[in-house]
């Protein structure tokens, strides 16, 4: 079994652009990178750290008068 060469990678990239569109590719790549990072930290067994950019919404209870 051979490794992927440049022509194969260009075909895969072209199919990805056709499927997702040019504007969605960075979002898909970011999500894939975060998923791989989470998988690696889960394998290492390290506790999760809250990212400084991640904002956790606060639940506020509203009472009706």
PDB file of N, CA and C in Angstrom:
ATOM      1  N   UNK A   1       0.849  -1.178   0.000  1.00  0.00           N
ATOM      2  CA  UNK A   1       0.000   0.000   0.000  1.00  0.00           C
ATOM      3  C   UNK A   1       0.895   1.241   0.000  1.00  0.00           C
ATOM      4  N   UNK A   2       0.619   2.115  -0.946  1.00  0.00           N
ATOM      5  CA  UNK A   2       1.428   3.316  -1.078  1.00  0.00           C
ATOM      6  C   UNK A   2       0.900   4.439  -0.195  1.00  0.00           C
ATOM      7  N   UNK A   3       1.757   5.403   0.064  1.00  0.00           N
ATOM      8  CA  UNK A   3       1.327   6.588   0.811  1.00  0.00           C
ATOM      9  C   UNK A   3       0.648   7.563  -0.143  1.00  0.00           C
ATOM     10  N   UNK A   4      -0.038   8.531   0.423  1.00  0.00           N
ATOM     11  CA  UNK A   4      -0.721   9.536  -0.399  1.00  0.00           C
ATOM     12  C   UNK A   4       0.294  10.521  -0.959  1.00  0.00           C
ATOM     13  N   UNK A   5       0.232  10.731  -2.251  1.00  0.00           N
ATOM     14  CA  UNK A   5       1.116  11.690  -2.906  1.00  0.00           C
ATOM     15  C   UNK A   5       0.406  13.015  -3.117  1.00  0.00           C
ATOM     16  N   UNK A   6       1.075  13.906  -3.785  1.00  0.00           N
ATOM     17  CA  UNK A   6       0.522  15.235  -4.035  1.00  0.00           C
ATOM     18  C   UNK A   6      -0.751  15.187  -4.896  1.00  0.00           C
ATOM     19  N   UNK A   7      -0.807  14.393  -5.960  1.00  0.00           N
ATOM     20  CA  UNK A   7      -2.048  14.363  -6.757  1.00  0.00           C
ATOM     21  C   UNK A   7      -3.257  13.871  -5.946  1.00  0.00           C
ATOM     22  N   UNK A   8      -3.052  12.879  -5.113  1.00  0.00           N
ATOM     23  CA  UNK A   8      -4.145  12.365  -4.296  1.00  0.00           C
ATOM     24  C   UNK A   8      -4.620  13.406  -3.286  1.00  0.00           C
ATOM     25  N   UNK A   9      -3.676  14.115  -2.666  1.00  0.00           N
ATOM     26  CA  UNK A   9      -4.040  15.146  -1.702  1.00  0.00           C
ATOM     27  C   UNK A   9      -4.802  16.295  -2.369  1.00  0.00           C
ATOM     28  N   UNK A  10      -4.416  16.652  -3.590  1.00  0.00           N
ATOM     29  CA  UNK A  10      -5.126  17.702  -4.319  1.00  0.00           C
ATOM     30  C   UNK A  10      -6.554  17.276  -4.671  1.00  0.00           C
ATOM     31  N   UNK A  11      -6.732  16.010  -5.018  1.00  0.00           N
ATOM     32  CA  UNK A  11      -8.081  15.512  -5.311  1.00  0.00           C
ATOM     33  C   UNK A  11      -8.935  15.546  -4.049  1.00  0.00           C
ATOM     34  N   UNK A  12      -8.373  15.119  -2.916  1.00  0.00           N
ATOM     35  CA  UNK A  12      -9.108  15.137  -1.643  1.00  0.00           C
ATOM     36  C   UNK A  12      -9.468  16.573  -1.268  1.00  0.00           C
ATOM     37  N   UNK A  13      -8.534  17.501  -1.423  1.00  0.00           N
ATOM     38  CA  UNK A  13      -8.798  18.910  -1.131  1.00  0.00           C
ATOM     39  C   UNK A  13      -9.885  19.470  -2.052  1.00  0.00           C
ATOM     40  N   UNK A  14      -9.840  19.112  -3.328  1.00  0.00           N
ATOM     41  CA  UNK A  14     -10.856  19.567  -4.271  1.00  0.00           C
ATOM     42  C   UNK A  14     -12.238  19.043  -3.915  1.00  0.00           C
ATOM     43  N   UNK A  15     -12.328  17.789  -3.521  1.00  0.00           N
ATOM     44  CA  UNK A  15     -13.614  17.213  -3.115  1.00  0.00           C
ATOM     45  C   UNK A  15     -14.121  17.901  -1.852  1.00  0.00           C
ATOM     46  N   UNK A  16     -13.219  18.195  -0.909  1.00  0.00           N
ATOM     47  CA  UNK A  16     -13.621  18.873   0.327  1.00  0.00           C
ATOM     48  C   UNK A  16     -14.162  20.265   0.033  1.00  0.00           C
ATOM     49  N   UNK A  17     -13.535  20.978  -0.895  1.00  0.00           N
ATOM     50  CA  UNK A  17     -14.011  22.318  -1.254  1.00  0.00           C
ATOM     51  C   UNK A  17     -15.378  22.225  -1.924  1.00  0.00           C
ATOM     52  N   UNK A  18     -15.573  21.220  -2.758  1.00  0.00           N
ATOM     53  CA  UNK A  18     -16.871  21.050  -3.403  1.00  0.00           C
ATOM     54  C   UNK A  18     -17.963  20.693  -2.399  1.00  0.00           C
ATOM     55  N   UNK A  19     -17.628  19.862  -1.407  1.00  0.00           N
ATOM     56  CA  UNK A  19     -18.621  19.435  -0.422  1.00  0.00           C
ATOM     57  C   UNK A  19     -18.974  20.541   0.566  1.00  0.00           C
ATOM     58  N   UNK A  20     -17.967  21.195   1.124  1.00  0.00           N
ATOM     59  CA  UNK A  20     -18.187  22.135   2.211  1.00  0.00           C
ATOM     60  C   UNK A  20     -18.184  23.591   1.773  1.00  0.00           C
ATOM     61  N   UNK A  21     -17.583  23.907   0.668  1.00  0.00           N
ATOM     62  CA  UNK A  21     -17.467  25.294   0.232  1.00  0.00           C
ATOM     63  C   UNK A  21     -16.233  25.930   0.844  1.00  0.00           C
ATOM     64  N   UNK A  22     -15.746  26.969   0.217  1.00  0.00           N
ATOM     65  CA  UNK A  22     -14.507  27.616   0.651  1.00  0.00           C
ATOM     66  C   UNK A  22     -14.591  28.252   2.020  1.00  0.00           C
ATOM     67  N   UNK A  23     -15.775  28.749   2.407  1.00  0.00           N
ATOM     68  CA  UNK A  23     -15.896  29.443   3.688  1.00  0.00           C
ATOM     69  C   UNK A  23     -15.977  28.474   4.861  1.00  0.00           C
ATOM     70  N   UNK A  24     -16.415  27.250   4.629  1.00  0.00           N
ATOM     71  CA  UNK A  24     -16.586  26.286   5.718  1.00  0.00           C
ATOM     72  C   UNK A  24     -15.318  25.501   6.025  1.00  0.00           C
ATOM     73  N   UNK A  25     -14.366  25.467   5.107  1.00  0.00           N
ATOM     74  CA  UNK A  25     -13.157  24.655   5.294  1.00  0.00           C
ATOM     75  C   UNK A  25     -12.398  25.026   6.570  1.00  0.00           C
ATOM     76  N   UNK A  26     -12.148  26.323   6.875  1.00  0.00           N
ATOM     77  CA  UNK A  26     -11.438  26.651   8.125  1.00  0.00           C
ATOM     78  C   UNK A  26     -12.210  26.216   9.371  1.00  0.00           C
ATOM     79  N   UNK A  27     -13.540  26.332   9.335  1.00  0.00           N
ATOM     80  CA  UNK A  27     -14.342  25.916  10.483  1.00  0.00           C
ATOM     81  C   UNK A  27     -14.257  24.407  10.693  1.00  0.00           C
ATOM     82  N   UNK A  28     -14.308  23.659   9.596  1.00  0.00           N
ATOM     83  CA  UNK A  28     -14.214  22.201   9.682  1.00  0.00           C
ATOM     84  C   UNK A  28     -12.836  21.797  10.189  1.00  0.00           C
ATOM     85  N   UNK A  29     -11.789  22.452   9.698  1.00  0.00           N
ATOM     86  CA  UNK A  29     -10.422  22.134  10.130  1.00  0.00           C
ATOM     87  C   UNK A  29     -10.234  22.462  11.612  1.00  0.00           C
ATOM     88  N   UNK A  30     -10.799  23.583  12.064  1.00  0.00           N
ATOM     89  CA  UNK A  30     -10.690  23.954  13.479  1.00  0.00           C
ATOM     90  C   UNK A  30     -11.389  22.920  14.356  1.00  0.00           C
ATOM     91  N   UNK A  31     -12.581  22.519  13.957  1.00  0.00           N
ATOM     92  CA  UNK A  31     -13.311  21.507  14.720  1.00  0.00           C
ATOM     93  C   UNK A  31     -12.579  20.179  14.753  1.00  0.00           C
ATOM     94  N   UNK A  32     -11.983  19.804  13.630  1.00  0.00           N
ATOM     95  CA  UNK A  32     -11.223  18.560  13.565  1.00  0.00           C
ATOM     96  C   UNK A  32      -9.994  18.639  14.474  1.00  0.00           C
ATOM     97  N   UNK A  33      -9.307  19.778  14.468  1.00  0.00           N
ATOM     98  CA  UNK A  33      -8.136  19.954  15.330  1.00  0.00           C
ATOM     99  C   UNK A  33      -8.497  19.898  16.806  1.00  0.00           C
ATOM    100  N   UNK A  34      -9.605  20.534  17.173  1.00  0.00           N
ATOM    101  CA  UNK A  34     -10.041  20.492  18.572  1.00  0.00           C
ATOM    102  C   UNK A  34     -10.425  19.081  18.976  1.00  0.00           C
ATOM    103  N   UNK A  35     -11.062  18.350  18.075  1.00  0.00           N
ATOM    104  CA  UNK A  35     -11.437  16.970  18.361  1.00  0.00           C
ATOM    105  C   UNK A  35     -10.220  16.082  18.580  1.00  0.00           C
ATOM    106  N   UNK A  36      -9.219  16.260  17.739  1.00  0.00           N
ATOM    107  CA  UNK A  36      -7.985  15.469  17.891  1.00  0.00           C
ATOM    108  C   UNK A  36      -7.285  15.832  19.189  1.00  0.00           C
ATOM    109  N   UNK A  37      -7.255  17.131  19.531  1.00  0.00           N
ATOM    110  CA  UNK A  37      -6.621  17.564  20.777  1.00  0.00           C
ATOM    111  C   UNK A  37      -7.341  16.968  21.988  1.00  0.00           C
ATOM    112  N   UNK A  38      -8.682  16.993  21.960  1.00  0.00           N
ATOM    113  CA  UNK A  38      -9.450  16.418  23.059  1.00  0.00           C
ATOM    114  C   UNK A  38      -9.216  14.915  23.169  1.00  0.00           C
ATOM    115  N   UNK A  39      -9.114  14.245  22.043  1.00  0.00           N
ATOM    116  CA  UNK A  39      -8.864  12.807  22.042  1.00  0.00           C
ATOM    117  C   UNK A  39      -7.503  12.488  22.649  1.00  0.00           C
ATOM    118  N   UNK A  40      -6.484  13.272  22.277  1.00  0.00           N
ATOM    119  CA  UNK A  40      -5.139  13.041  22.811  1.00  0.00           C
ATOM    120  C   UNK A  40      -5.093  13.274  24.324  1.00  0.00           C
ATOM    121  N   UNK A  41      -5.736  14.338  24.803  1.00  0.00           N
ATOM    122  CA  UNK A  41      -5.727  14.596  26.248  1.00  0.00           C
ATOM    123  C   UNK A  41      -6.519  13.533  26.991  1.00  0.00           C
ATOM    124  N   UNK A  42      -7.566  13.002  26.371  1.00  0.00           N
ATOM    125  CA  UNK A  42      -8.324  11.926  27.007  1.00  0.00           C
ATOM    126  C   UNK A  42      -7.487  10.661  27.109  1.00  0.00           C
ATOM    127  N   UNK A  43      -6.666  10.407  26.099  1.00  0.00           N
ATOM    128  CA  UNK A  43      -5.797   9.234  26.142  1.00  0.00           C
ATOM    129  C   UNK A  43      -4.722   9.371  27.215  1.00  0.00           C
ATOM    130  N   UNK A  44      -4.226  10.593  27.397  1.00  0.00           N
ATOM    131  CA  UNK A  44      -3.200  10.834  28.408  1.00  0.00           C
ATOM    132  C   UNK A  44      -3.774  10.781  29.817  1.00  0.00           C
ATOM    133  N   UNK A  45      -5.071  10.994  29.945  1.00  0.00           N
ATOM    134  CA  UNK A  45      -5.712  10.962  31.250  1.00  0.00           C
ATOM    135  C   UNK A  45      -5.584  12.254  32.019  1.00  0.00           C
ATOM    136  N   UNK A  46      -5.228  13.336  31.341  1.00  0.00           N
ATOM    137  CA  UNK A  46      -5.102  14.626  32.011  1.00  0.00           C
ATOM    138  C   UNK A  46      -6.491  15.227  32.216  1.00  0.00           C
ATOM    139  N   UNK A  47      -6.702  15.896  33.335  1.00  0.00           N
ATOM    140  CA  UNK A  47      -8.001  16.549  33.525  1.00  0.00           C
ATOM    141  C   UNK A  47      -8.166  17.703  32.540  1.00  0.00           C
ATOM    142  N   UNK A  48      -9.413  17.955  32.156  1.00  0.00           N
ATOM    143  CA  UNK A  48      -9.669  19.025  31.194  1.00  0.00           C
ATOM    144  C   UNK A  48      -9.498  20.382  31.850  1.00  0.00           C
ATOM    145  N   UNK A  49      -8.920  21.299  31.103  1.00  0.00           N
ATOM    146  CA  UNK A  49      -8.756  22.674  31.568  1.00  0.00           C
ATOM    147  C   UNK A  49      -9.709  23.543  30.774  1.00  0.00           C
ATOM    148  N   UNK A  50     -10.328  24.493  31.443  1.00  0.00           N
ATOM    149  CA  UNK A  50     -11.215  25.428  30.744  1.00  0.00           C
ATOM    150  C   UNK A  50     -10.358  26.418  29.969  1.00  0.00           C
ATOM    151  N   UNK A  51     -10.628  26.553  28.681  1.00  0.00           N
ATOM    152  CA  UNK A  51      -9.906  27.520  27.865  1.00  0.00           C
ATOM    153  C   UNK A  51     -10.304  28.924  28.284  1.00  0.00           C
ATOM    154  N   UNK A  52      -9.359  29.831  28.225  1.00  0.00           N
ATOM    155  CA  UNK A  52      -9.660  31.209  28.594  1.00  0.00           C
ATOM    156  C   UNK A  52     -10.624  31.853  27.598  1.00  0.00           C
ATOM    157  N   UNK A  53     -10.627  31.355  26.355  1.00  0.00           N
ATOM    158  CA  UNK A  53     -11.517  31.915  25.350  1.00  0.00           C
ATOM    159  C   UNK A  53     -12.931  31.335  25.463  1.00  0.00           C
ATOM    160  N   UNK A  54     -13.035  30.212  26.163  1.00  0.00           N
ATOM    161  CA  UNK A  54     -14.340  29.569  26.293  1.00  0.00           C
ATOM    162  C   UNK A  54     -15.128  30.236  27.414  1.00  0.00           C
ATOM    163  N   UNK A  55     -16.333  30.643  27.108  1.00  0.00           N
ATOM    164  CA  UNK A  55     -17.177  31.303  28.084  1.00  0.00           C
ATOM    165  C   UNK A  55     -18.309  30.358  28.464  1.00  0.00           C
ATOM    166  N   UNK A  56     -18.465  30.129  29.757  1.00  0.00           N
ATOM    167  CA  UNK A  56     -19.526  29.260  30.231  1.00  0.00           C
ATOM    168  C   UNK A  56     -20.709  30.139  30.608  1.00  0.00           C
ATOM    169  N   UNK A  57     -21.848  29.932  29.957  1.00  0.00           N
ATOM    170  CA  UNK A  57     -23.001  30.789  30.248  1.00  0.00           C
ATOM    171  C   UNK A  57     -23.547  30.523  31.653  1.00  0.00           C
ATOM    172  N   UNK A  58     -24.025  31.578  32.284  1.00  0.00           N
ATOM    173  CA  UNK A  58     -24.578  31.481  33.615  1.00  0.00           C
ATOM    174  C   UNK A  58     -26.099  31.374  33.513  1.00  0.00           C
ATOM    175  N   UNK A  59     -26.672  30.437  34.245  1.00  0.00           N
ATOM    176  CA  UNK A  59     -28.114  30.240  34.206  1.00  0.00           C
ATOM    177  C   UNK A  59     -28.749  31.183  35.217  1.00  0.00           C
ATOM    178  N   UNK A  60     -29.713  31.950  34.751  1.00  0.00           N
ATOM    179  CA  UNK A  60     -30.402  32.916  35.614  1.00  0.00           C
ATOM    180  C   UNK A  60     -31.866  32.516  35.665  1.00  0.00           C
ATOM    181  N   UNK A  61     -32.393  32.384  36.858  1.00  0.00           N
ATOM    182  CA  UNK A  61     -33.791  32.015  37.036  1.00  0.00           C
ATOM    183  C   UNK A  61     -34.631  33.291  37.099  1.00  0.00           C
ATOM    184  N   UNK A  62     -35.646  33.353  36.265  1.00  0.00           N
ATOM    185  CA  UNK A  62     -36.524  34.524  36.227  1.00  0.00           C
ATOM    186  C   UNK A  62     -37.864  34.126  36.827  1.00  0.00           C
ATOM    187  N   UNK A  63     -38.286  34.880  37.808  1.00  0.00           N
ATOM    188  CA  UNK A  63     -39.568  34.594  38.456  1.00  0.00           C
ATOM    189  C   UNK A  63     -40.638  35.511  37.879  1.00  0.00           C
ATOM    190  N   UNK A  64     -41.833  34.945  37.657  1.00  0.00           N
ATOM    191  CA  UNK A  64     -42.953  35.736  37.142  1.00  0.00           C
ATOM    192  C   UNK A  64     -43.702  36.368  38.300  1.00  0.00           C
ATOM    193  N   UNK A  65     -44.116  37.612  38.138  1.00  0.00           N
ATOM    194  CA  UNK A  65     -44.823  38.327  39.196  1.00  0.00           C
ATOM    195  C   UNK A  65     -46.317  38.085  39.114  1.00  0.00           C
TER     196      UNK A  65
END
